[in-house]
C-alpha atoms as a PDB file:
ATOM      1  CA  MET A   1      17.900  32.958 -23.920  1.00  0.00           C
ATOM      2  CA  SER A   2      17.882  32.810 -20.140  1.00  0.00           C
ATOM      3  CA  ASP A   3      16.051  35.920 -19.062  1.00  0.00           C
ATOM      4  CA  ILE A   4      16.065  35.682 -15.262  1.00  0.00           C
ATOM      5  CA  ASP A   5      19.451  37.355 -14.837  1.00  0.00           C
ATOM      6  CA  ILE A   6      18.991  40.113 -17.445  1.00  0.00           C
ATOM      7  CA  ARG A   7      18.543  43.615 -16.018  1.00  0.00           C
ATOM      8  CA  VAL A   8      16.758  45.922 -18.461  1.00  0.00           C
ATOM      9  CA  GLY A   9      16.763  49.694 -18.204  1.00  0.00           C
ATOM     10  CA  PHE A  10      13.544  50.825 -19.901  1.00  0.00           C
ATOM     11  CA  ALA A  11      13.595  54.560 -20.638  1.00  0.00           C
ATOM     12  CA  MET A  12      10.609  56.454 -22.031  1.00  0.00           C
ATOM     13  CA  CYS A  13      10.543  59.831 -23.760  1.00  0.00           C
ATOM     14  CA  GLY A  14       7.688  62.134 -24.702  1.00  0.00           C
ATOM     15  CA  SER A  15       6.312  60.565 -27.859  1.00  0.00           C
ATOM     16  CA  PHE A  16       3.030  60.401 -25.987  1.00  0.00           C
ATOM     17  CA  CYS A  17       1.048  58.644 -28.730  1.00  0.00           C
ATOM     18  CA  THR A  18       3.320  55.575 -28.421  1.00  0.00           C
ATOM     19  CA  ILE A  19       3.715  55.351 -24.635  1.00  0.00           C
ATOM     20  CA  ALA A  20       0.861  52.840 -24.327  1.00  0.00           C
ATOM     21  CA  ASP A  21       2.627  50.564 -26.842  1.00  0.00           C
ATOM     22  CA  ALA A  22       5.874  50.894 -24.882  1.00  0.00           C
ATOM     23  CA  ILE A  23       4.134  50.051 -21.610  1.00  0.00           C
ATOM     24  CA  THR A  24       2.668  46.913 -23.212  1.00  0.00           C
ATOM     25  CA  GLN A  25       6.195  45.755 -24.071  1.00  0.00           C
ATOM     26  CA  MET A  26       7.492  46.705 -20.630  1.00  0.00           C
ATOM     27  CA  LYS A  27       4.790  44.504 -19.088  1.00  0.00           C
ATOM     28  CA  LEU A  28       5.694  41.648 -21.447  1.00  0.00           C
ATOM     29  CA  LEU A  29       9.340  41.880 -20.361  1.00  0.00           C
ATOM     30  CA  VAL A  30       8.415  41.745 -16.673  1.00  0.00           C
ATOM     31  CA  GLU A  31       6.009  38.840 -17.250  1.00  0.00           C
ATOM     32  CA  SER A  32       8.799  37.012 -19.102  1.00  0.00           C
ATOM     33  CA  GLY A  33      11.067  37.259 -16.062  1.00  0.00           C
ATOM     34  CA  TYR A  34      13.263  40.237 -16.955  1.00  0.00           C
ATOM     35  CA  ASP A  35      14.237  42.640 -14.171  1.00  0.00           C
ATOM     36  CA  VAL A  36      13.034  46.006 -15.525  1.00  0.00           C
ATOM     37  CA  LEU A  37      14.250  49.354 -14.182  1.00  0.00           C
ATOM     38  CA  PRO A  38      11.800  52.098 -15.292  1.00  0.00           C
ATOM     39  CA  ILE A  39      13.189  55.452 -16.400  1.00  0.00           C
ATOM     40  CA  MET A  40      11.267  58.437 -17.763  1.00  0.00           C
ATOM     41  CA  SER A  41      12.309  61.749 -19.193  1.00  0.00           C
ATOM     42  CA  GLU A  42      11.299  64.711 -17.108  1.00  0.00           C
ATOM     43  CA  THR A  43       8.699  65.624 -19.752  1.00  0.00           C
ATOM     44  CA  ALA A  44       7.194  62.141 -20.039  1.00  0.00           C
ATOM     45  CA  TYR A  45       7.108  61.865 -16.235  1.00  0.00           C
ATOM     46  CA  SER A  46       5.170  65.076 -15.634  1.00  0.00           C
ATOM     47  CA  THR A  47       3.070  65.949 -18.698  1.00  0.00           C
ATOM     48  CA  ASP A  48      -0.666  65.297 -19.012  1.00  0.00           C
ATOM     49  CA  THR A  49      -1.771  64.842 -22.631  1.00  0.00           C
ATOM     50  CA  ARG A  50      -4.769  63.642 -24.614  1.00  0.00           C
ATOM     51  CA  PHE A  51      -3.095  60.214 -24.466  1.00  0.00           C
ATOM     52  CA  GLY A  52      -3.233  60.035 -20.679  1.00  0.00           C
ATOM     53  CA  ARG A  53      -2.626  61.721 -17.366  1.00  0.00           C
ATOM     54  CA  ALA A  54       0.980  61.603 -16.185  1.00  0.00           C
ATOM     55  CA  GLU A  55       0.049  60.304 -12.733  1.00  0.00           C
ATOM     56  CA  GLU A  56      -1.978  57.416 -14.180  1.00  0.00           C
ATOM     57  CA  ILE A  57       0.864  56.462 -16.534  1.00  0.00           C
ATOM     58  CA  ARG A  58       3.409  56.594 -13.692  1.00  0.00           C
ATOM     59  CA  ASN A  59       1.200  54.439 -11.462  1.00  0.00           C
ATOM     60  CA  LYS A  60       0.771  51.860 -14.221  1.00  0.00           C
ATOM     61  CA  ILE A  61       4.558  51.665 -14.725  1.00  0.00           C
ATOM     62  CA  LYS A  62       5.224  51.401 -10.968  1.00  0.00           C
ATOM     63  CA  ASN A  63       2.680  48.590 -10.680  1.00  0.00           C
ATOM     64  CA  ILE A  64       4.236  46.687 -13.596  1.00  0.00           C
ATOM     65  CA  CYS A  65       7.862  47.024 -12.480  1.00  0.00           C
ATOM     66  CA  CYS A  66       7.327  47.175  -8.704  1.00  0.00           C
ATOM     67  CA  LYS A  67       9.979  49.898  -8.624  1.00  0.00           C
ATOM     68  CA  GLU A  68      10.103  53.647  -8.394  1.00  0.00           C
ATOM     69  CA  ILE A  69      10.634  55.441 -11.706  1.00  0.00           C
ATOM     70  CA  LEU A  70      13.994  57.168 -12.135  1.00  0.00           C
ATOM     71  CA  HIS A  71      13.277  60.576 -13.685  1.00  0.00           C
ATOM     72  CA  THR A  72      16.138  62.927 -12.837  1.00  0.00           C
ATOM     73  CA  ILE A  73      19.730  63.167 -14.011  1.00  0.00           C
ATOM     74  CA  GLU A  74      20.922  62.649 -10.439  1.00  0.00           C
ATOM     75  CA  LYS A  75      18.949  59.397 -10.051  1.00  0.00           C
ATOM     76  CA  VAL A  76      20.107  57.828 -13.342  1.00  0.00           C
ATOM     77  CA  GLU A  77      23.775  58.832 -13.312  1.00  0.00           C
ATOM     78  CA  PRO A  78      24.824  55.831 -11.139  1.00  0.00           C
ATOM     79  CA  ILE A  79      23.423  53.303 -13.658  1.00  0.00           C
ATOM     80  CA  GLY A  80      26.804  52.712 -15.306  1.00  0.00           C
ATOM     81  CA  PRO A  81      29.131  53.064 -12.304  1.00  0.00           C
ATOM     82  CA  LYS A  82      26.944  50.761 -10.181  1.00  0.00           C
ATOM     83  CA  ASN A  83      26.421  48.296 -13.054  1.00  0.00           C
ATOM     84  CA  LEU A  84      22.610  48.408 -12.710  1.00  0.00           C
ATOM     85  CA  THR A  85      21.657  47.336 -16.261  1.00  0.00           C
ATOM     86  CA  ASP A  86      22.689  44.747 -18.832  1.00  0.00           C
ATOM     87  CA  ILE A  87      20.805  46.440 -21.660  1.00  0.00           C
ATOM     88  CA  MET A  88      19.112  49.824 -21.982  1.00  0.00           C
ATOM     89  CA  ILE A  89      16.001  50.329 -24.113  1.00  0.00           C
ATOM     90  CA  ILE A  90      14.692  53.766 -25.066  1.00  0.00           C
ATOM     91  CA  ALA A  91      11.061  53.300 -26.090  1.00  0.00           C
ATOM     92  CA  PRO A  92       9.753  55.600 -27.303  1.00  0.00           C
ATOM     93  CA  CYS A  93      12.829  57.540 -28.362  1.00  0.00           C
ATOM     94  CA  THR A  94      11.934  60.939 -29.784  1.00  0.00           C
ATOM     95  CA  GLY A  95      13.821  62.692 -32.567  1.00  0.00           C
ATOM     96  CA  ASN A  96      14.957  65.218 -29.957  1.00  0.00           C
ATOM     97  CA  THR A  97      16.486  62.525 -27.746  1.00  0.00           C
ATOM     98  CA  LEU A  98      18.041  60.812 -30.764  1.00  0.00           C
ATOM     99  CA  SER A  99      19.647  64.124 -31.766  1.00  0.00           C
ATOM    100  CA  LYS A 100      21.046  64.621 -28.286  1.00  0.00           C
ATOM    101  CA  LEU A 101      22.511  61.109 -28.226  1.00  0.00           C
ATOM    102  CA  ALA A 102      24.006  61.508 -31.718  1.00  0.00           C
ATOM    103  CA  ASN A 103      25.645  64.759 -30.663  1.00  0.00           C
ATOM    104  CA  SER A 104      26.621  63.737 -27.111  1.00  0.00           C
ATOM    105  CA  SER A 105      24.349  66.331 -25.526  1.00  0.00           C
ATOM    106  CA  ILE A 106      23.460  64.927 -22.121  1.00  0.00           C
ATOM    107  CA  ASP A 107      20.846  67.111 -20.445  1.00  0.00           C
ATOM    108  CA  THR A 108      17.900  64.847 -19.585  1.00  0.00           C
ATOM    109  CA  SER A 109      17.390  61.794 -17.430  1.00  0.00           C
ATOM    110  CA  VAL A 110      17.084  59.569 -20.518  1.00  0.00           C
ATOM    111  CA  THR A 111      20.216  60.829 -22.259  1.00  0.00           C
ATOM    112  CA  MET A 112      22.186  60.555 -19.009  1.00  0.00           C
ATOM    113  CA  ALA A 113      20.852  57.031 -18.419  1.00  0.00           C
ATOM    114  CA  ALA A 114      21.962  56.007 -21.917  1.00  0.00           C
ATOM    115  CA  LYS A 115      25.391  57.610 -21.550  1.00  0.00           C
ATOM    116  CA  SER A 116      25.926  56.086 -18.115  1.00  0.00           C
ATOM    117  CA  HIS A 117      24.878  52.650 -19.387  1.00  0.00           C
ATOM    118  CA  LEU A 118      26.994  52.824 -22.578  1.00  0.00           C
ATOM    119  CA  ARG A 119      30.183  53.586 -20.653  1.00  0.00           C
ATOM    120  CA  SER A 120      30.193  49.913 -19.672  1.00  0.00           C
ATOM    121  CA  GLN A 121      30.194  48.831 -23.351  1.00  0.00           C
ATOM    122  CA  LYS A 122      26.705  47.303 -23.054  1.00  0.00           C
ATOM    123  CA  PRO A 123      23.934  47.434 -25.680  1.00  0.00           C
ATOM    124  CA  LEU A 124      21.517  50.323 -26.124  1.00  0.00           C
ATOM    125  CA  LEU A 125      18.315  49.571 -28.065  1.00  0.00           C
ATOM    126  CA  ILE A 126      16.413  52.481 -29.618  1.00  0.00           C
ATOM    127  CA  ALA A 127      12.697  52.300 -30.500  1.00  0.00           C
ATOM    128  CA  LEU A 128      12.296  55.488 -32.516  1.00  0.00           C
ATOM    129  CA  ALA A 129       9.076  57.478 -32.814  1.00  0.00           C
ATOM    130  CA  THR A 130       9.535  60.782 -34.625  1.00  0.00           C
ATOM    131  CA  ASN A 131       7.743  62.853 -37.231  1.00  0.00           C
ATOM    132  CA  ASP A 132      11.029  63.847 -38.895  1.00  0.00           C
ATOM    133  CA  GLY A 133      12.781  60.478 -39.190  1.00  0.00           C
ATOM    134  CA  LEU A 134      13.138  60.836 -42.961  1.00  0.00           C
ATOM    135  CA  SER A 135      14.116  64.498 -42.805  1.00  0.00           C
ATOM    136  CA  GLY A 136      15.891  66.272 -39.914  1.00  0.00           C
ATOM    137  CA  SER A 137      16.464  63.124 -37.837  1.00  0.00           C
ATOM    138  CA  ALA A 138      17.755  60.995 -40.727  1.00  0.00           C
ATOM    139  CA  LYS A 139      21.376  62.069 -40.183  1.00  0.00           C
ATOM    140  CA  ASN A 140      21.084  61.188 -36.484  1.00  0.00           C
ATOM    141  CA  ILE A 141      19.785  57.722 -37.340  1.00  0.00           C
ATOM    142  CA  GLY A 142      22.834  57.287 -39.568  1.00  0.00           C
ATOM    143  CA  THR A 143      25.163  58.516 -36.846  1.00  0.00           C
ATOM    144  CA  MET A 144      23.710  56.152 -34.268  1.00  0.00           C
ATOM    145  CA  LEU A 145      23.732  53.179 -36.674  1.00  0.00           C
ATOM    146  CA  ASN A 146      27.501  53.624 -36.794  1.00  0.00           C
ATOM    147  CA  ARG A 147      27.960  53.721 -33.023  1.00  0.00           C
ATOM    148  CA  LYS A 148      29.281  50.696 -31.204  1.00  0.00           C
ATOM    149  CA  ASN A 149      26.730  48.908 -28.992  1.00  0.00           C
ATOM    150  CA  VAL A 150      23.732  50.810 -30.431  1.00  0.00           C
ATOM    151  CA  TYR A 151      20.851  48.902 -32.031  1.00  0.00           C
ATOM    152  CA  PHE A 152      17.449  49.852 -33.427  1.00  0.00           C
ATOM    153  CA  VAL A 153      14.026  48.276 -33.211  1.00  0.00           C
ATOM    154  CA  PRO A 154      12.860  47.922 -36.851  1.00  0.00           C
ATOM    155  CA  MET A 155      10.768  50.860 -38.026  1.00  0.00           C
ATOM    156  CA  SER A 156       8.458  52.006 -40.807  1.00  0.00           C
ATOM    157  CA  GLN A 157       6.681  55.091 -42.018  1.00  0.00           C
ATOM    158  CA  ASP A 158       3.545  55.221 -39.920  1.00  0.00           C
ATOM    159  CA  ASP A 159       1.482  57.416 -42.275  1.00  0.00           C
ATOM    160  CA  PRO A 160       3.320  58.038 -45.565  1.00  0.00           C
ATOM    161  CA  ILE A 161       0.507  60.160 -47.032  1.00  0.00           C
ATOM    162  CA  LYS A 162      -0.255  62.556 -44.177  1.00  0.00           C
ATOM    163  CA  LYS A 163       3.189  62.411 -42.484  1.00  0.00           C
ATOM    164  CA  PRO A 164       5.673  61.457 -45.217  1.00  0.00           C
ATOM    165  CA  THR A 165       8.810  61.880 -43.062  1.00  0.00           C
ATOM    166  CA  SER A 166       7.485  60.174 -39.919  1.00  0.00           C
ATOM    167  CA  LEU A 167       9.024  56.919 -38.636  1.00  0.00           C
ATOM    168  CA  VAL A 168       7.747  54.706 -35.834  1.00  0.00           C
ATOM    169  CA  SER A 169       9.364  51.541 -34.565  1.00  0.00           C
ATOM    170  CA  HIS A 170       7.467  48.270 -34.475  1.00  0.00           C
ATOM    171  CA  PHE A 171       7.101  48.150 -30.706  1.00  0.00           C
ATOM    172  CA  GLU A 172       5.985  44.508 -30.889  1.00  0.00           C
ATOM    173  CA  LEU A 173       9.568  43.734 -31.986  1.00  0.00           C
ATOM    174  CA  ILE A 174      11.195  45.200 -28.860  1.00  0.00           C
ATOM    175  CA  VAL A 175      11.688  41.815 -27.179  1.00  0.00           C
ATOM    176  CA  PRO A 176      13.282  40.023 -30.174  1.00  0.00           C
ATOM    177  CA  ALA A 177      15.344  43.139 -30.985  1.00  0.00           C
ATOM    178  CA  MET A 178      16.524  43.255 -27.371  1.00  0.00           C
ATOM    179  CA  GLU A 179      17.427  39.568 -27.320  1.00  0.00           C
ATOM    180  CA  ALA A 180      19.411  40.042 -30.538  1.00  0.00           C
ATOM    181  CA  ALA A 181      21.168  43.177 -29.222  1.00  0.00           C
ATOM    182  CA  ILE A 182      22.255  41.343 -26.082  1.00  0.00           C
ATOM    183  CA  ILE A 183      24.278  38.969 -28.269  1.00  0.00           C
ATOM    184  CA  GLY A 184      25.526  41.793 -30.509  1.00  0.00           C
ATOM    185  CA  TYR A 185      23.185  41.409 -33.479  1.00  0.00           C
ATOM    186  CA  GLN A 186      20.978  44.005 -35.203  1.00  0.00           C
ATOM    187  CA  ILE A 187      17.764  42.338 -36.373  1.00  0.00           C
ATOM    188  CA  GLN A 188      17.002  42.962 -40.026  1.00  0.00           C
ATOM    189  CA  PRO A 189      15.598  44.604 -41.959  1.00  0.00           C
ATOM    190  CA  ILE A 190      15.793  47.804 -39.938  1.00  0.00           C
ATOM    191  CA  PHE A 191      13.398  49.610 -42.283  1.00  0.00           C
ATOM    192  CA  ARG A 192      10.252  47.672 -43.135  1.00  0.00           C
END
């Protein structure tokens, strides 16, 4: 696939334990020649956690993408009308964000970015990371699997003994899942 002309919106939510994995894939996309537009939820943009200081994470993303991070509803709303992306990736996508997307509740920068992007009938790729994927979020996974232009990065239970309902996407599959989504294909199996 020719990657030079592909514009990738890369949105990150507050599953803080997986942000480092997402950043690794973001860097791989940029190194492969993709034009990556960084987007962060308000929470991911501003929250210090045991997984890293928000300012350090933002600086790392800015250095990788060589672009300012979009992190407000006002900044991301033009994505669709101005045709700024060819594909949108949400990695990590929390159960909360998945629920909002499944129910058309648009109240964060990430949900607005996804909605704005989808209005152009272009693919949205979700890399889920949620502790309730096999409980409360399961119905939202089903809803989104049935939506046009929505694809998932394959996922698995990350700790079936201690967290039996938790699902985390295989972040190392973001690039092949994205390349498949661009041509309208969901890589299989979704659950591994």
